[in-house]
């Protein structure tokens, strides 16, 4: 294995990273198991047309590490894992490819439990399930929890209300200007919830017509995707892909807080300091977007999945967010540092 690859894996502290290749179906995948300290590594399968192996590896390493923190802060008995399948989901996906991927997941013997993510669906997980029991996020008809996106959106809303209370002394979002960047499966639901809260809402999406259709339905302003980070607002909510908060973009932000569902919103760890110096409150993504993992984790309850239990856990994201923001202020550290310390305490104590 390339020395650079080994250095990357060592930098993130993974228990295991597995490459998967199947010439018959064209499957090219990487599975990252970051930690099983608290339980099996749980995390979704992302399908994207990565430009290089290095890009795919970087994504799976960062995403799986974030899943460890996410599960730990959420109080779940799961570790962190993630998988990526290289290719355009519109062209590469086939039942044969998903079944081949299922065999690869099964070969890990339960170290890793997969679920849907960007580019994959509940229906895809049903196909993967033909080859392995280590699948979550199955359809309700199959005894699962179904699409986790609504739960993720509700968790972000809970985190946003907690952030509002931290900054402005009230969790009431009515009248707050919020920009939702990316209104797909999670962002679209979140925007609808924010509309019900009475927010002054602006939405953006790179897909043609998606933002326009949603805006007409819920009464929001449509802004161009390249203007989403520049638009003056109270709260910016990134709900697309990660890495958008960086040395170049942070100085251009005109918001008081960032609270969104996208994974790995910071391009690098030092961006948390940049946000703090800019006076912007950052609710760590792995704290506020834990609603999805909260929801699918309920599938493993001894009594089976309960939507009521899941929603109670999702609502608890507000309290966790408050705890993180208060600790950051009390300890004079970034919110990311405070959240990671909380996760690491859990990893030590179990």
C-alpha atoms as a PDB file:
ATOM      1  CA  UNK A   1       0.000   0.000   0.000  1.00  0.00           C
ATOM      2  CA  UNK A   2       1.194   3.518  -0.835  1.00  0.00           C
ATOM      3  CA  UNK A   3       3.032   5.277   2.042  1.00  0.00           C
ATOM      4  CA  UNK A   4       0.775   8.334   1.687  1.00  0.00           C
ATOM      5  CA  UNK A   5      -2.279   6.102   2.083  1.00  0.00           C
ATOM      6  CA  UNK A   6      -0.835   4.538   5.230  1.00  0.00           C
ATOM      7  CA  UNK A   7      -0.067   7.986   6.647  1.00  0.00           C
ATOM      8  CA  UNK A   8      -3.632   9.135   6.001  1.00  0.00           C
ATOM      9  CA  UNK A   9      -5.080   6.092   7.747  1.00  0.00           C
ATOM     10  CA  UNK A  10      -2.709   6.549  10.686  1.00  0.00           C
ATOM     11  CA  UNK A  11      -3.581  10.233  10.980  1.00  0.00           C
ATOM     12  CA  UNK A  12      -7.256   9.457  11.560  1.00  0.00           C
ATOM     13  CA  UNK A  13      -6.633   6.491  13.890  1.00  0.00           C
ATOM     14  CA  UNK A  14      -8.782   3.894  12.139  1.00  0.00           C
ATOM     15  CA  UNK A  15      -9.105   0.316  13.296  1.00  0.00           C
ATOM     16  CA  UNK A  16      -9.403  -0.846   9.707  1.00  0.00           C
ATOM     17  CA  UNK A  17      -9.807   0.370   6.141  1.00  0.00           C
ATOM     18  CA  UNK A  18     -10.918  -2.116   3.494  1.00  0.00           C
ATOM     19  CA  UNK A  19     -10.861  -1.722  -0.274  1.00  0.00           C
ATOM     20  CA  UNK A  20     -13.372  -3.677  -2.340  1.00  0.00           C
ATOM     21  CA  UNK A  21     -13.169  -4.450  -6.053  1.00  0.00           C
ATOM     22  CA  UNK A  22     -15.398  -6.657  -8.201  1.00  0.00           C
ATOM     23  CA  UNK A  23     -14.614  -6.854 -11.906  1.00  0.00           C
ATOM     24  CA  UNK A  24     -17.924  -8.496 -12.818  1.00  0.00           C
ATOM     25  CA  UNK A  25     -20.156  -5.706 -11.470  1.00  0.00           C
ATOM     26  CA  UNK A  26     -17.636  -2.873 -11.604  1.00  0.00           C
ATOM     27  CA  UNK A  27     -17.834  -2.341  -7.843  1.00  0.00           C
ATOM     28  CA  UNK A  28     -15.085  -0.112  -6.447  1.00  0.00           C
ATOM     29  CA  UNK A  29     -15.577   0.670  -2.776  1.00  0.00           C
ATOM     30  CA  UNK A  30     -13.791   1.598   0.436  1.00  0.00           C
ATOM     31  CA  UNK A  31     -15.101   0.713   3.889  1.00  0.00           C
ATOM     32  CA  UNK A  32     -13.684   2.594   6.849  1.00  0.00           C
ATOM     33  CA  UNK A  33     -14.045   1.256  10.391  1.00  0.00           C
ATOM     34  CA  UNK A  34     -12.868   4.011  12.690  1.00  0.00           C
ATOM     35  CA  UNK A  35     -13.863   2.635  16.097  1.00  0.00           C
ATOM     36  CA  UNK A  36     -15.747  -0.275  17.624  1.00  0.00           C
ATOM     37  CA  UNK A  37     -15.026   0.755  21.220  1.00  0.00           C
ATOM     38  CA  UNK A  38     -18.693   1.347  22.034  1.00  0.00           C
ATOM     39  CA  UNK A  39     -20.142  -1.197  19.600  1.00  0.00           C
ATOM     40  CA  UNK A  40     -20.293  -2.063  15.886  1.00  0.00           C
ATOM     41  CA  UNK A  41     -19.193   0.716  13.533  1.00  0.00           C
ATOM     42  CA  UNK A  42     -22.415   2.194  12.158  1.00  0.00           C
ATOM     43  CA  UNK A  43     -22.519   4.477   9.138  1.00  0.00           C
ATOM     44  CA  UNK A  44     -24.017   4.921   5.710  1.00  0.00           C
ATOM     45  CA  UNK A  45     -22.843   4.063   2.215  1.00  0.00           C
ATOM     46  CA  UNK A  46     -22.122   7.078   0.026  1.00  0.00           C
ATOM     47  CA  UNK A  47     -22.115   6.659  -3.769  1.00  0.00           C
ATOM     48  CA  UNK A  48     -20.256   9.421  -5.631  1.00  0.00           C
ATOM     49  CA  UNK A  49     -18.155   9.815  -8.784  1.00  0.00           C
ATOM     50  CA  UNK A  50     -14.899  10.623  -6.977  1.00  0.00           C
ATOM     51  CA  UNK A  51     -12.161  11.996  -9.197  1.00  0.00           C
ATOM     52  CA  UNK A  52      -9.453   9.866  -7.585  1.00  0.00           C
ATOM     53  CA  UNK A  53      -8.828   7.108  -5.081  1.00  0.00           C
ATOM     54  CA  UNK A  54      -7.210   9.683  -2.800  1.00  0.00           C
ATOM     55  CA  UNK A  55     -10.388  11.785  -2.754  1.00  0.00           C
ATOM     56  CA  UNK A  56     -12.557   8.755  -2.012  1.00  0.00           C
ATOM     57  CA  UNK A  57     -10.214   7.657   0.766  1.00  0.00           C
ATOM     58  CA  UNK A  58     -10.130  11.119   2.340  1.00  0.00           C
ATOM     59  CA  UNK A  59     -13.927  11.212   2.349  1.00  0.00           C
ATOM     60  CA  UNK A  60     -14.363   7.808   3.949  1.00  0.00           C
ATOM     61  CA  UNK A  61     -11.703   8.512   6.577  1.00  0.00           C
ATOM     62  CA  UNK A  62     -13.195  11.847   7.612  1.00  0.00           C
ATOM     63  CA  UNK A  63     -16.789  10.602   7.494  1.00  0.00           C
ATOM     64  CA  UNK A  64     -16.150   7.451   9.532  1.00  0.00           C
ATOM     65  CA  UNK A  65     -14.222   9.379  12.200  1.00  0.00           C
ATOM     66  CA  UNK A  66     -17.116  11.819  12.428  1.00  0.00           C
ATOM     67  CA  UNK A  67     -19.493   8.883  12.906  1.00  0.00           C
ATOM     68  CA  UNK A  68     -17.481   7.776  15.952  1.00  0.00           C
ATOM     69  CA  UNK A  69     -17.857  11.218  17.508  1.00  0.00           C
ATOM     70  CA  UNK A  70     -21.492  11.402  16.465  1.00  0.00           C
ATOM     71  CA  UNK A  71     -22.464   8.083  18.057  1.00  0.00           C
ATOM     72  CA  UNK A  72     -20.463   8.808  21.204  1.00  0.00           C
ATOM     73  CA  UNK A  73     -21.911  12.288  21.781  1.00  0.00           C
ATOM     74  CA  UNK A  74     -25.408  10.928  21.064  1.00  0.00           C
ATOM     75  CA  UNK A  75     -24.982   8.313  23.793  1.00  0.00           C
ATOM     76  CA  UNK A  76     -25.349   5.322  21.462  1.00  0.00           C
ATOM     77  CA  UNK A  77     -23.734   1.905  21.837  1.00  0.00           C
ATOM     78  CA  UNK A  78     -22.219   2.097  18.369  1.00  0.00           C
ATOM     79  CA  UNK A  79     -18.885   3.005  16.917  1.00  0.00           C
ATOM     80  CA  UNK A  80     -18.113   4.912  13.744  1.00  0.00           C
ATOM     81  CA  UNK A  81     -17.870   3.591  10.213  1.00  0.00           C
ATOM     82  CA  UNK A  82     -18.583   4.701   6.667  1.00  0.00           C
ATOM     83  CA  UNK A  83     -18.328   3.353   3.157  1.00  0.00           C
ATOM     84  CA  UNK A  84     -18.039   4.901  -0.276  1.00  0.00           C
ATOM     85  CA  UNK A  85     -18.810   3.336  -3.620  1.00  0.00           C
ATOM     86  CA  UNK A  86     -17.057   5.110  -6.468  1.00  0.00           C
ATOM     87  CA  UNK A  87     -19.308   6.075  -9.377  1.00  0.00           C
ATOM     88  CA  UNK A  88     -22.306   8.104 -10.444  1.00  0.00           C
ATOM     89  CA  UNK A  89     -25.302   6.573  -8.627  1.00  0.00           C
ATOM     90  CA  UNK A  90     -27.451   7.208 -11.691  1.00  0.00           C
ATOM     91  CA  UNK A  91     -25.307   4.908 -13.822  1.00  0.00           C
ATOM     92  CA  UNK A  92     -23.204   2.634 -11.633  1.00  0.00           C
ATOM     93  CA  UNK A  93     -25.909   1.171  -9.391  1.00  0.00           C
ATOM     94  CA  UNK A  94     -27.298  -2.262 -10.179  1.00  0.00           C
ATOM     95  CA  UNK A  95     -28.705  -5.046  -8.047  1.00  0.00           C
ATOM     96  CA  UNK A  96     -25.648  -7.144  -8.840  1.00  0.00           C
ATOM     97  CA  UNK A  97     -23.288  -4.362  -7.702  1.00  0.00           C
ATOM     98  CA  UNK A  98     -25.235  -3.805  -4.482  1.00  0.00           C
ATOM     99  CA  UNK A  99     -25.271  -7.532  -3.773  1.00  0.00           C
ATOM    100  CA  UNK A 100     -21.513  -7.689  -4.341  1.00  0.00           C
ATOM    101  CA  UNK A 101     -21.148  -4.807  -1.912  1.00  0.00           C
ATOM    102  CA  UNK A 102     -23.364  -6.655   0.577  1.00  0.00           C
ATOM    103  CA  UNK A 103     -21.007  -9.634   0.433  1.00  0.00           C
ATOM    104  CA  UNK A 104     -18.092  -7.327   1.249  1.00  0.00           C
ATOM    105  CA  UNK A 105     -19.939  -5.901   4.258  1.00  0.00           C
ATOM    106  CA  UNK A 106     -20.813  -9.409   5.406  1.00  0.00           C
ATOM    107  CA  UNK A 107     -17.169 -10.498   5.191  1.00  0.00           C
ATOM    108  CA  UNK A 108     -16.367  -8.061   8.010  1.00  0.00           C
ATOM    109  CA  UNK A 109     -18.469 -10.189  10.357  1.00  0.00           C
ATOM    110  CA  UNK A 110     -20.444  -7.397  11.978  1.00  0.00           C
ATOM    111  CA  UNK A 111     -17.634  -4.912  12.581  1.00  0.00           C
ATOM    112  CA  UNK A 112     -19.458  -2.575  10.241  1.00  0.00           C
ATOM    113  CA  UNK A 113     -23.212  -1.984   9.908  1.00  0.00           C
ATOM    114  CA  UNK A 114     -24.235  -0.013   6.850  1.00  0.00           C
ATOM    115  CA  UNK A 115     -27.183   2.237   5.976  1.00  0.00           C
ATOM    116  CA  UNK A 116     -28.169   4.713   3.275  1.00  0.00           C
ATOM    117  CA  UNK A 117     -26.319   7.946   2.592  1.00  0.00           C
ATOM    118  CA  UNK A 118     -25.830  10.387  -0.277  1.00  0.00           C
ATOM    119  CA  UNK A 119     -26.419   8.477  -3.509  1.00  0.00           C
ATOM    120  CA  UNK A 120     -27.995   5.428  -1.869  1.00  0.00           C
ATOM    121  CA  UNK A 121     -31.563   4.729  -0.763  1.00  0.00           C
ATOM    122  CA  UNK A 122     -33.698   2.613   1.534  1.00  0.00           C
ATOM    123  CA  UNK A 123     -34.491   0.405  -1.461  1.00  0.00           C
ATOM    124  CA  UNK A 124     -30.756  -0.061  -2.099  1.00  0.00           C
ATOM    125  CA  UNK A 125     -30.289  -1.229   1.481  1.00  0.00           C
ATOM    126  CA  UNK A 126     -32.961  -3.869   0.932  1.00  0.00           C
ATOM    127  CA  UNK A 127     -30.846  -5.259  -1.917  1.00  0.00           C
ATOM    128  CA  UNK A 128     -27.688  -5.176   0.210  1.00  0.00           C
ATOM    129  CA  UNK A 129     -29.653  -6.995   2.934  1.00  0.00           C
ATOM    130  CA  UNK A 130     -29.955 -10.049   0.662  1.00  0.00           C
ATOM    131  CA  UNK A 131     -26.274 -10.747   1.303  1.00  0.00           C
ATOM    132  CA  UNK A 132     -25.776  -9.592   4.900  1.00  0.00           C
ATOM    133  CA  UNK A 133     -27.726  -8.955   8.111  1.00  0.00           C
ATOM    134  CA  UNK A 134     -25.453  -6.006   8.912  1.00  0.00           C
ATOM    135  CA  UNK A 135     -27.751  -3.394   7.392  1.00  0.00           C
ATOM    136  CA  UNK A 136     -29.897  -0.704   9.018  1.00  0.00           C
ATOM    137  CA  UNK A 137     -32.245   1.946   7.698  1.00  0.00           C
ATOM    138  CA  UNK A 138     -34.477  -0.658   6.091  1.00  0.00           C
ATOM    139  CA  UNK A 139     -38.027   0.052   5.002  1.00  0.00           C
ATOM    140  CA  UNK A 140     -40.855   0.129   7.528  1.00  0.00           C
ATOM    141  CA  UNK A 141     -42.371  -2.875   5.743  1.00  0.00           C
ATOM    142  CA  UNK A 142     -39.201  -4.820   6.520  1.00  0.00           C
ATOM    143  CA  UNK A 143     -39.308  -3.842  10.174  1.00  0.00           C
ATOM    144  CA  UNK A 144     -36.882  -0.955   9.787  1.00  0.00           C
ATOM    145  CA  UNK A 145     -37.091   2.765  10.406  1.00  0.00           C
ATOM    146  CA  UNK A 146     -37.351   3.872   6.788  1.00  0.00           C
ATOM    147  CA  UNK A 147     -35.782   7.039   5.400  1.00  0.00           C
ATOM    148  CA  UNK A 148     -33.692   8.697   8.170  1.00  0.00           C
ATOM    149  CA  UNK A 149     -33.777  12.119   6.496  1.00  0.00           C
ATOM    150  CA  UNK A 150     -36.810  13.496   8.405  1.00  0.00           C
ATOM    151  CA  UNK A 151     -35.226  12.510  11.724  1.00  0.00           C
ATOM    152  CA  UNK A 152     -31.964  14.164  10.699  1.00  0.00           C
ATOM    153  CA  UNK A 153     -33.832  17.347   9.805  1.00  0.00           C
ATOM    154  CA  UNK A 154     -35.680  17.373  13.131  1.00  0.00           C
ATOM    155  CA  UNK A 155     -32.384  16.961  14.953  1.00  0.00           C
ATOM    156  CA  UNK A 156     -30.885  19.928  13.118  1.00  0.00           C
ATOM    157  CA  UNK A 157     -33.962  21.982  14.033  1.00  0.00           C
ATOM    158  CA  UNK A 158     -33.489  21.040  17.696  1.00  0.00           C
ATOM    159  CA  UNK A 159     -29.829  22.051  17.471  1.00  0.00           C
ATOM    160  CA  UNK A 160     -30.775  25.308  15.763  1.00  0.00           C
ATOM    161  CA  UNK A 161     -33.233  26.201  18.522  1.00  0.00           C
ATOM    162  CA  UNK A 162     -30.583  25.475  21.152  1.00  0.00           C
ATOM    163  CA  UNK A 163     -28.090  27.649  19.274  1.00  0.00           C
ATOM    164  CA  UNK A 164     -30.657  30.449  19.051  1.00  0.00           C
ATOM    165  CA  UNK A 165     -31.214  30.270  22.807  1.00  0.00           C
ATOM    166  CA  UNK A 166     -27.450  30.377  23.357  1.00  0.00           C
ATOM    167  CA  UNK A 167     -27.003  33.500  21.224  1.00  0.00           C
ATOM    168  CA  UNK A 168     -30.242  35.432  21.577  1.00  0.00           C
ATOM    169  CA  UNK A 169     -31.741  34.032  24.791  1.00  0.00           C
ATOM    170  CA  UNK A 170     -34.741  32.424  23.087  1.00  0.00           C
ATOM    171  CA  UNK A 171     -35.311  29.230  21.114  1.00  0.00           C
ATOM    172  CA  UNK A 172     -38.065  30.924  19.128  1.00  0.00           C
ATOM    173  CA  UNK A 173     -36.929  31.073  15.503  1.00  0.00           C
ATOM    174  CA  UNK A 174     -39.840  33.182  14.237  1.00  0.00           C
ATOM    175  CA  UNK A 175     -38.518  36.066  12.173  1.00  0.00           C
ATOM    176  CA  UNK A 176     -34.964  34.746  12.064  1.00  0.00           C
ATOM    177  CA  UNK A 177     -33.408  34.840   8.612  1.00  0.00           C
ATOM    178  CA  UNK A 178     -32.110  31.360   7.787  1.00  0.00           C
ATOM    179  CA  UNK A 179     -30.327  30.229   4.628  1.00  0.00           C
ATOM    180  CA  UNK A 180     -30.590  26.531   3.787  1.00  0.00           C
ATOM    181  CA  UNK A 181     -27.874  25.565   1.330  1.00  0.00           C
ATOM    182  CA  UNK A 182     -28.947  22.318  -0.323  1.00  0.00           C
ATOM    183  CA  UNK A 183     -32.608  21.305  -0.172  1.00  0.00           C
ATOM    184  CA  UNK A 184     -32.385  17.613  -0.950  1.00  0.00           C
ATOM    185  CA  UNK A 185     -33.631  14.818   1.291  1.00  0.00           C
ATOM    186  CA  UNK A 186     -32.624  16.479   4.580  1.00  0.00           C
ATOM    187  CA  UNK A 187     -32.425  20.140   3.617  1.00  0.00           C
ATOM    188  CA  UNK A 188     -35.849  20.071   1.986  1.00  0.00           C
ATOM    189  CA  UNK A 189     -37.503  18.690   5.114  1.00  0.00           C
ATOM    190  CA  UNK A 190     -35.577  21.133   7.304  1.00  0.00           C
ATOM    191  CA  UNK A 191     -36.663  24.085   5.160  1.00  0.00           C
ATOM    192  CA  UNK A 192     -40.295  23.024   5.498  1.00  0.00           C
ATOM    193  CA  UNK A 193     -39.932  22.777   9.284  1.00  0.00           C
ATOM    194  CA  UNK A 194     -38.278  26.206   9.430  1.00  0.00           C
ATOM    195  CA  UNK A 195     -41.116  27.661   7.381  1.00  0.00           C
ATOM    196  CA  UNK A 196     -43.552  26.311   9.967  1.00  0.00           C
ATOM    197  CA  UNK A 197     -41.436  28.003  12.650  1.00  0.00           C
ATOM    198  CA  UNK A 198     -42.000  31.342  10.949  1.00  0.00           C
ATOM    199  CA  UNK A 199     -38.452  31.890   9.697  1.00  0.00           C
ATOM    200  CA  UNK A 200     -37.522  34.367   6.988  1.00  0.00           C
ATOM    201  CA  UNK A 201     -36.219  31.630   4.734  1.00  0.00           C
ATOM    202  CA  UNK A 202     -33.869  31.570   1.740  1.00  0.00           C
ATOM    203  CA  UNK A 203     -33.008  28.340  -0.096  1.00  0.00           C
ATOM    204  CA  UNK A 204     -30.424  27.290  -2.673  1.00  0.00           C
ATOM    205  CA  UNK A 205     -29.639  24.096  -4.546  1.00  0.00           C
ATOM    206  CA  UNK A 206     -27.438  23.159  -7.497  1.00  0.00           C
ATOM    207  CA  UNK A 207     -30.122  20.911  -9.010  1.00  0.00           C
ATOM    208  CA  UNK A 208     -32.289  22.663 -11.570  1.00  0.00           C
ATOM    209  CA  UNK A 209     -35.715  23.643 -10.297  1.00  0.00           C
ATOM    210  CA  UNK A 210     -35.448  21.978  -6.876  1.00  0.00           C
ATOM    211  CA  UNK A 211     -35.111  25.179  -4.837  1.00  0.00           C
ATOM    212  CA  UNK A 212     -37.732  26.944  -6.955  1.00  0.00           C
ATOM    213  CA  UNK A 213     -40.330  24.203  -6.463  1.00  0.00           C
ATOM    214  CA  UNK A 214     -39.756  24.080  -2.723  1.00  0.00           C
ATOM    215  CA  UNK A 215     -39.765  27.868  -2.352  1.00  0.00           C
ATOM    216  CA  UNK A 216     -43.101  28.155  -4.108  1.00  0.00           C
ATOM    217  CA  UNK A 217     -44.573  25.512  -1.829  1.00  0.00           C
ATOM    218  CA  UNK A 218     -43.336  26.866   1.516  1.00  0.00           C
ATOM    219  CA  UNK A 219     -42.923  30.565   0.778  1.00  0.00           C
ATOM    220  CA  UNK A 220     -39.153  31.026   0.665  1.00  0.00           C
ATOM    221  CA  UNK A 221     -36.731  33.182  -1.306  1.00  0.00           C
ATOM    222  CA  UNK A 222     -34.573  31.420  -3.900  1.00  0.00           C
ATOM    223  CA  UNK A 223     -30.914  32.413  -4.088  1.00  0.00           C
ATOM    224  CA  UNK A 224     -28.191  31.223  -6.449  1.00  0.00           C
ATOM    225  CA  UNK A 225     -26.031  28.386  -5.077  1.00  0.00           C
ATOM    226  CA  UNK A 226     -22.866  30.473  -5.326  1.00  0.00           C
ATOM    227  CA  UNK A 227     -24.524  33.200  -3.223  1.00  0.00           C
ATOM    228  CA  UNK A 228     -25.641  30.985  -0.333  1.00  0.00           C
ATOM    229  CA  UNK A 229     -22.539  31.598   1.763  1.00  0.00           C
ATOM    230  CA  UNK A 230     -22.575  35.316   1.015  1.00  0.00           C
ATOM    231  CA  UNK A 231     -26.219  35.998   1.831  1.00  0.00           C
ATOM    232  CA  UNK A 232     -26.731  38.057   5.025  1.00  0.00           C
ATOM    233  CA  UNK A 233     -28.623  35.973   7.589  1.00  0.00           C
ATOM    234  CA  UNK A 234     -28.896  35.023  11.229  1.00  0.00           C
ATOM    235  CA  UNK A 235     -28.250  31.317  10.670  1.00  0.00           C
ATOM    236  CA  UNK A 236     -26.533  29.573   7.771  1.00  0.00           C
ATOM    237  CA  UNK A 237     -27.555  25.923   7.395  1.00  0.00           C
ATOM    238  CA  UNK A 238     -25.273  23.900   5.084  1.00  0.00           C
ATOM    239  CA  UNK A 239     -27.179  20.791   4.017  1.00  0.00           C
ATOM    240  CA  UNK A 240     -25.251  19.645   0.950  1.00  0.00           C
ATOM    241  CA  UNK A 241     -21.726  18.232   0.768  1.00  0.00           C
ATOM    242  CA  UNK A 242     -18.921  19.064   3.184  1.00  0.00           C
ATOM    243  CA  UNK A 243     -15.756  21.126   3.131  1.00  0.00           C
ATOM    244  CA  UNK A 244     -17.500  24.420   2.390  1.00  0.00           C
ATOM    245  CA  UNK A 245     -16.221  26.267   5.476  1.00  0.00           C
ATOM    246  CA  UNK A 246     -12.591  27.076   4.844  1.00  0.00           C
ATOM    247  CA  UNK A 247      -9.957  29.800   4.871  1.00  0.00           C
ATOM    248  CA  UNK A 248     -11.435  31.321   1.712  1.00  0.00           C
ATOM    249  CA  UNK A 249     -15.148  31.178   2.534  1.00  0.00           C
ATOM    250  CA  UNK A 250     -15.247  31.952   6.249  1.00  0.00           C
ATOM    251  CA  UNK A 251     -14.202  35.626   5.883  1.00  0.00           C
ATOM    252  CA  UNK A 252     -17.126  36.124   3.481  1.00  0.00           C
ATOM    253  CA  UNK A 253     -19.826  34.766   5.808  1.00  0.00           C
ATOM    254  CA  UNK A 254     -22.463  37.227   7.011  1.00  0.00           C
ATOM    255  CA  UNK A 255     -24.188  35.150   9.692  1.00  0.00           C
ATOM    256  CA  UNK A 256     -24.241  34.814  13.459  1.00  0.00           C
ATOM    257  CA  UNK A 257     -24.328  31.011  13.494  1.00  0.00           C
ATOM    258  CA  UNK A 258     -23.816  27.917  11.350  1.00  0.00           C
ATOM    259  CA  UNK A 259     -26.128  24.984  12.051  1.00  0.00           C
ATOM    260  CA  UNK A 260     -26.561  22.426   9.291  1.00  0.00           C
ATOM    261  CA  UNK A 261     -26.882  18.777   8.371  1.00  0.00           C
ATOM    262  CA  UNK A 262     -23.931  18.391   5.991  1.00  0.00           C
ATOM    263  CA  UNK A 263     -21.146  16.136   7.214  1.00  0.00           C
ATOM    264  CA  UNK A 264     -17.615  17.529   7.586  1.00  0.00           C
ATOM    265  CA  UNK A 265     -18.561  21.142   6.932  1.00  0.00           C
ATOM    266  CA  UNK A 266     -15.084  22.284   8.001  1.00  0.00           C
ATOM    267  CA  UNK A 267     -12.410  21.746   5.367  1.00  0.00           C
ATOM    268  CA  UNK A 268      -9.848  21.347   8.152  1.00  0.00           C
ATOM    269  CA  UNK A 269      -9.819  21.442  11.946  1.00  0.00           C
ATOM    270  CA  UNK A 270      -8.318  24.947  12.056  1.00  0.00           C
ATOM    271  CA  UNK A 271     -11.493  26.289  10.448  1.00  0.00           C
ATOM    272  CA  UNK A 272     -13.202  25.960  13.826  1.00  0.00           C
ATOM    273  CA  UNK A 273     -10.771  28.583  15.134  1.00  0.00           C
ATOM    274  CA  UNK A 274     -11.431  30.779  12.102  1.00  0.00           C
ATOM    275  CA  UNK A 275     -15.156  30.719  12.782  1.00  0.00           C
ATOM    276  CA  UNK A 276     -14.610  31.479  16.455  1.00  0.00           C
ATOM    277  CA  UNK A 277     -12.357  34.443  15.660  1.00  0.00           C
ATOM    278  CA  UNK A 278     -14.994  35.711  13.235  1.00  0.00           C
ATOM    279  CA  UNK A 279     -17.543  35.694  16.062  1.00  0.00           C
ATOM    280  CA  UNK A 280     -19.650  32.993  14.400  1.00  0.00           C
ATOM    281  CA  UNK A 281     -21.143  30.283  16.603  1.00  0.00           C
ATOM    282  CA  UNK A 282     -20.631  26.895  14.995  1.00  0.00           C
ATOM    283  CA  UNK A 283     -22.860  24.022  16.113  1.00  0.00           C
ATOM    284  CA  UNK A 284     -20.665  21.009  15.235  1.00  0.00           C
ATOM    285  CA  UNK A 285     -22.182  18.993  12.421  1.00  0.00           C
ATOM    286  CA  UNK A 286     -21.642  15.648  14.140  1.00  0.00           C
ATOM    287  CA  UNK A 287     -23.693  16.914  17.081  1.00  0.00           C
ATOM    288  CA  UNK A 288     -26.693  18.429  15.330  1.00  0.00           C
ATOM    289  CA  UNK A 289     -27.009  15.968  12.440  1.00  0.00           C
ATOM    290  CA  UNK A 290     -27.169  12.888  14.678  1.00  0.00           C
ATOM    291  CA  UNK A 291     -30.927  12.483  14.203  1.00  0.00           C
ATOM    292  CA  UNK A 292     -30.414   9.961  11.425  1.00  0.00           C
ATOM    293  CA  UNK A 293     -28.178   7.665  13.453  1.00  0.00           C
ATOM    294  CA  UNK A 294     -30.464   8.127  16.474  1.00  0.00           C
ATOM    295  CA  UNK A 295     -33.330   6.926  14.302  1.00  0.00           C
ATOM    296  CA  UNK A 296     -31.663   3.868  12.751  1.00  0.00           C
ATOM    297  CA  UNK A 297     -30.080   2.866  16.066  1.00  0.00           C
ATOM    298  CA  UNK A 298     -33.600   2.273  17.359  1.00  0.00           C
ATOM    299  CA  UNK A 299     -33.867  -0.655  14.931  1.00  0.00           C
ATOM    300  CA  UNK A 300     -31.519  -2.562  17.246  1.00  0.00           C
ATOM    301  CA  UNK A 301     -33.659  -2.095  20.354  1.00  0.00           C
ATOM    302  CA  UNK A 302     -34.706  -5.350  22.019  1.00  0.00           C
ATOM    303  CA  UNK A 303     -38.364  -4.480  21.385  1.00  0.00           C
ATOM    304  CA  UNK A 304     -37.798  -3.471  17.770  1.00  0.00           C
ATOM    305  CA  UNK A 305     -38.043  -0.048  16.189  1.00  0.00           C
ATOM    306  CA  UNK A 306     -40.198   2.583  17.879  1.00  0.00           C
ATOM    307  CA  UNK A 307     -40.742   5.936  16.186  1.00  0.00           C
ATOM    308  CA  UNK A 308     -41.829   7.425  19.510  1.00  0.00           C
ATOM    309  CA  UNK A 309     -38.558   6.437  21.220  1.00  0.00           C
ATOM    310  CA  UNK A 310     -36.581   7.636  18.223  1.00  0.00           C
ATOM    311  CA  UNK A 311     -38.217  11.071  18.240  1.00  0.00           C
ATOM    312  CA  UNK A 312     -37.522  11.495  21.950  1.00  0.00           C
ATOM    313  CA  UNK A 313     -33.850  10.766  21.328  1.00  0.00           C
ATOM    314  CA  UNK A 314     -33.767  13.125  18.346  1.00  0.00           C
ATOM    315  CA  UNK A 315     -35.302  15.919  20.423  1.00  0.00           C
ATOM    316  CA  UNK A 316     -32.468  15.391  22.906  1.00  0.00           C
ATOM    317  CA  UNK A 317     -30.035  16.801  20.341  1.00  0.00           C
ATOM    318  CA  UNK A 318     -31.100  20.237  21.557  1.00  0.00           C
ATOM    319  CA  UNK A 319     -29.830  19.499  25.046  1.00  0.00           C
ATOM    320  CA  UNK A 320     -26.564  18.049  23.755  1.00  0.00           C
ATOM    321  CA  UNK A 321     -26.021  21.131  21.594  1.00  0.00           C
ATOM    322  CA  UNK A 322     -26.578  23.411  24.593  1.00  0.00           C
ATOM    323  CA  UNK A 323     -24.084  21.383  26.625  1.00  0.00           C
ATOM    324  CA  UNK A 324     -21.452  21.656  23.889  1.00  0.00           C
ATOM    325  CA  UNK A 325     -21.927  25.401  23.389  1.00  0.00           C
ATOM    326  CA  UNK A 326     -21.799  26.093  27.121  1.00  0.00           C
ATOM    327  CA  UNK A 327     -18.677  23.963  27.616  1.00  0.00           C
ATOM    328  CA  UNK A 328     -16.958  25.748  24.764  1.00  0.00           C
ATOM    329  CA  UNK A 329     -17.684  29.108  26.361  1.00  0.00           C
ATOM    330  CA  UNK A 330     -16.713  27.991  29.865  1.00  0.00           C
ATOM    331  CA  UNK A 331     -13.470  26.314  28.741  1.00  0.00           C
ATOM    332  CA  UNK A 332     -12.558  28.976  26.152  1.00  0.00           C
ATOM    333  CA  UNK A 333     -12.233  26.391  23.393  1.00  0.00           C
ATOM    334  CA  UNK A 334     -13.928  25.981  20.039  1.00  0.00           C
ATOM    335  CA  UNK A 335     -17.250  24.217  19.891  1.00  0.00           C
ATOM    336  CA  UNK A 336     -15.609  21.419  17.888  1.00  0.00           C
ATOM    337  CA  UNK A 337     -13.016  20.881  20.629  1.00  0.00           C
ATOM    338  CA  UNK A 338     -15.746  20.875  23.274  1.00  0.00           C
ATOM    339  CA  UNK A 339     -17.807  18.308  21.335  1.00  0.00           C
ATOM    340  CA  UNK A 340     -14.818  16.059  20.698  1.00  0.00           C
ATOM    341  CA  UNK A 341     -13.842  16.160  24.359  1.00  0.00           C
ATOM    342  CA  UNK A 342     -17.370  15.110  25.227  1.00  0.00           C
ATOM    343  CA  UNK A 343     -17.129  12.235  22.752  1.00  0.00           C
ATOM    344  CA  UNK A 344     -13.707  11.174  23.993  1.00  0.00           C
ATOM    345  CA  UNK A 345     -14.931  11.120  27.596  1.00  0.00           C
ATOM    346  CA  UNK A 346     -17.683   8.761  26.503  1.00  0.00           C
ATOM    347  CA  UNK A 347     -15.231   6.560  24.590  1.00  0.00           C
ATOM    348  CA  UNK A 348     -13.105   6.219  27.723  1.00  0.00           C
ATOM    349  CA  UNK A 349     -15.984   5.646  30.146  1.00  0.00           C
ATOM    350  CA  UNK A 350     -18.063   3.482  27.814  1.00  0.00           C
END
